[in-house]
Protein backbone atom coordinates (compact mmCIF):
# COMPACT_ATOMS: atom_id res chain seq x y z
CA MET A 1 -12.88 6.87 -1.49
CA ILE A 2 -13.59 2.95 -2.19
CA VAL A 3 -12.82 3.16 -5.86
CA ALA A 4 -10.04 6.03 -5.30
CA SER A 5 -8.52 3.09 -3.02
CA ALA A 6 -8.77 0.53 -5.58
CA VAL A 7 -7.52 2.41 -8.63
CA TYR A 8 -4.58 3.29 -5.97
CA ARG A 9 -3.71 -0.11 -5.15
CA LEU A 10 -4.12 -1.28 -9.21
CA ALA A 11 -2.16 1.86 -10.33
CA LEU A 12 0.39 0.89 -7.65
CA SER A 13 0.79 -2.80 -8.41
CA LEU A 14 1.33 -2.58 -12.32
CA TRP A 15 3.95 0.10 -11.63
CA VAL A 16 5.64 -1.78 -9.22
CA GLY A 17 5.15 -5.12 -11.17
CA GLY A 18 6.11 -3.55 -14.54
CA ILE A 19 9.44 -2.16 -12.93
CA ALA A 20 10.22 -5.60 -11.75
CA LEU A 21 9.16 -7.49 -14.88
CA PHE A 22 11.56 -5.05 -17.15
CA THR A 23 14.35 -5.06 -14.64
CA PHE A 24 14.60 -8.94 -13.67
CA VAL A 25 12.89 -10.81 -16.73
CA VAL A 26 12.66 -8.50 -19.81
CA THR A 27 16.11 -6.90 -20.27
CA PRO A 28 18.39 -9.62 -18.78
CA VAL A 29 16.45 -11.78 -21.49
CA ILE A 30 17.09 -9.65 -24.25
CA PHE A 31 20.97 -9.38 -23.31
CA ARG A 32 21.06 -12.89 -23.31
CA THR A 33 19.71 -13.69 -26.68
CA HIS A 34 20.94 -10.81 -28.83
CA GLY A 35 24.41 -9.25 -29.16
CA ARG A 36 25.14 -6.32 -26.83
CA ASP A 37 24.67 -3.71 -29.42
CA ALA A 38 21.54 -5.00 -30.33
CA ALA A 39 20.46 -5.62 -27.10
CA GLY A 40 21.09 -2.12 -26.19
CA ARG A 41 19.13 -0.75 -29.37
CA ILE A 42 16.32 -3.02 -28.21
CA VAL A 43 16.30 -1.91 -24.90
CA GLY A 44 16.77 1.69 -25.54
CA SER A 45 13.71 1.72 -27.71
CA ILE A 46 11.66 0.40 -25.20
CA PHE A 47 12.86 3.14 -22.59
CA PRO A 48 10.36 5.84 -23.67
CA VAL A 49 7.21 3.69 -23.34
CA TYR A 50 8.81 2.20 -19.98
CA PHE A 51 9.08 5.55 -18.55
CA ARG A 52 5.92 7.11 -19.63
CA TYR A 53 4.45 4.03 -18.03
CA GLY A 54 6.04 4.25 -14.89
CA LEU A 55 5.38 8.08 -14.67
CA VAL A 56 1.66 7.94 -15.93
CA LEU A 57 0.93 4.84 -13.06
CA ALA A 58 2.78 6.58 -10.22
CA ALA A 59 0.94 9.70 -11.25
CA LEU A 60 -2.34 8.24 -11.08
CA ALA A 61 -1.44 6.00 -7.99
CA LEU A 62 -0.44 9.73 -6.33
CA LEU A 63 -3.96 11.13 -7.22
CA ALA A 64 -5.96 8.40 -6.17
CA ARG A 65 -3.98 8.27 -2.78
CA ILE A 66 -5.02 12.10 -2.52
CA VAL A 67 -8.38 11.44 -3.79
CA ALA A 68 -8.88 8.23 -1.53
CA GLY A 69 -7.90 10.91 1.44
CA GLU A 70 -4.98 8.50 1.98
CA ALA A 71 -2.21 11.34 1.32
CA PHE A 72 -1.89 13.55 4.32
CA HIS A 73 -3.53 12.59 7.40
CA GLY A 74 -0.45 11.07 9.13
CA VAL A 75 3.34 10.58 9.16
CA ARG A 76 2.52 7.33 7.28
CA GLN A 77 0.58 8.83 4.86
CA TRP A 78 2.87 11.84 4.35
CA ILE A 79 6.03 9.30 3.90
CA GLY A 80 3.76 7.20 1.23
CA THR A 81 3.21 10.33 -0.56
CA LEU A 82 6.59 11.75 -0.68
CA LEU A 83 7.94 8.43 -1.92
CA ILE A 84 5.50 8.45 -4.52
CA ALA A 85 6.37 12.09 -5.56
CA THR A 86 10.12 11.42 -5.32
CA ALA A 87 9.78 7.94 -7.67
CA ILE A 88 7.88 10.46 -10.09
CA LEU A 89 10.82 13.00 -9.91
CA LEU A 90 13.36 10.33 -10.32
CA THR A 91 11.90 8.77 -13.15
CA GLY A 92 11.18 11.94 -14.80
CA TYR A 93 14.96 12.52 -14.16
CA GLN A 94 15.74 9.26 -16.31
CA ALA A 95 13.24 9.92 -18.92
CA TYR A 96 14.16 13.47 -19.81
CA GLY A 97 17.75 14.02 -18.15
CA LEU A 98 19.90 10.92 -17.89
CA THR A 99 18.42 9.07 -20.91
CA PRO A 100 18.91 11.65 -23.55
CA ARG A 101 22.46 11.99 -22.08
CA MET A 102 23.31 8.47 -22.30
CA GLU A 103 21.80 8.21 -25.61
CA ARG A 104 24.33 11.06 -27.07
CA VAL A 105 27.04 9.66 -25.69
CA LYS A 106 25.82 5.96 -26.85
CA ARG A 107 26.11 7.60 -30.81
CA SER A 108 29.40 8.23 -30.31
CA VAL A 109 30.71 4.82 -29.50
CA ALA A 110 30.71 2.76 -32.70
CA SER A 111 30.35 -0.71 -30.90
CA PHE A 112 29.92 -1.88 -27.39
CA GLU A 113 31.12 -5.36 -28.55
CA THR A 114 34.72 -3.65 -29.78
CA ALA A 115 35.31 -0.45 -28.08
CA PRO A 116 38.13 -1.07 -25.51
CA PRO A 117 37.04 -0.59 -22.08
CA GLU A 118 39.14 2.60 -21.69
CA ASP A 119 37.43 4.39 -24.72
CA PRO A 120 36.20 7.73 -22.77
CA ALA A 121 32.74 7.73 -24.64
CA ARG A 122 32.38 3.69 -23.25
CA MET A 123 33.31 4.85 -19.76
CA GLU A 124 30.73 7.92 -19.88
CA PHE A 125 28.33 5.44 -20.78
CA SER A 126 29.07 3.50 -18.06
CA ARG A 127 29.31 5.83 -15.54
CA LEU A 128 25.82 7.15 -16.73
CA HIS A 129 24.35 3.38 -16.96
CA GLY A 130 25.28 2.98 -13.21
CA ILE A 131 23.52 5.99 -12.11
CA SER A 132 20.54 4.79 -14.24
CA MET A 133 20.41 1.54 -12.39
CA VAL A 134 20.90 2.72 -9.31
CA VAL A 135 17.63 5.36 -9.78
CA ASN A 136 15.88 2.35 -11.16
CA LEU A 137 16.47 0.50 -8.18
CA VAL A 138 15.65 3.18 -6.04
CA VAL A 139 12.42 3.76 -7.49
CA LEU A 140 11.29 0.09 -7.34
CA LEU A 141 12.20 0.11 -3.73
CA GLU A 142 10.20 3.08 -3.23
CA GLY A 143 7.61 1.19 -4.87
CA VAL A 144 7.93 -2.10 -2.73
CA ALA A 145 7.91 0.08 0.52
CA LEU A 146 4.78 1.48 -0.61
CA VAL A 147 3.13 -1.92 -1.11
CA VAL A 148 4.52 -3.72 2.24
CA ALA A 149 3.61 -0.54 4.10
CA ARG A 150 0.16 -0.86 2.41
CA GLU A 151 -0.32 -4.58 3.59
CA SER A 152 1.02 -4.05 7.02
CA VAL A 153 -1.46 -1.08 7.62
CA ARG A 154 -4.38 -3.70 6.71
CA ARG A 155 -3.59 -6.05 9.03
């Protein structure tokens, strides 16, 4: 139980920290230091690894939570377990549903630097990108809630 609890804390920390680092540091730096099209290609090439990283760590956190006996023994535990399960589903949706759709639309835009804002493909990409950003933020907030809840239980 002690090992499983430690694995849970480690997986949760790496998962939430990875989301925060990619969202608030890596992506903005790439877009500040490269043209929009190049930055989009770079970030787009990172996404498959980013999503696998999130899925593996969230699944590991869920498994460790179950093994540690912290998954189903009360309302708070159930809520935490549901937060992780929801985050896994949302990350899977991003990885295998939303991102492939975005890639297909992106291929029909010659350049985001020169395409007019009213270009239908660019507008569709922007719509999907907005959904992706909201989903990413929800997953991050779920992870932060788990970290905060974990700390408040320990006090």
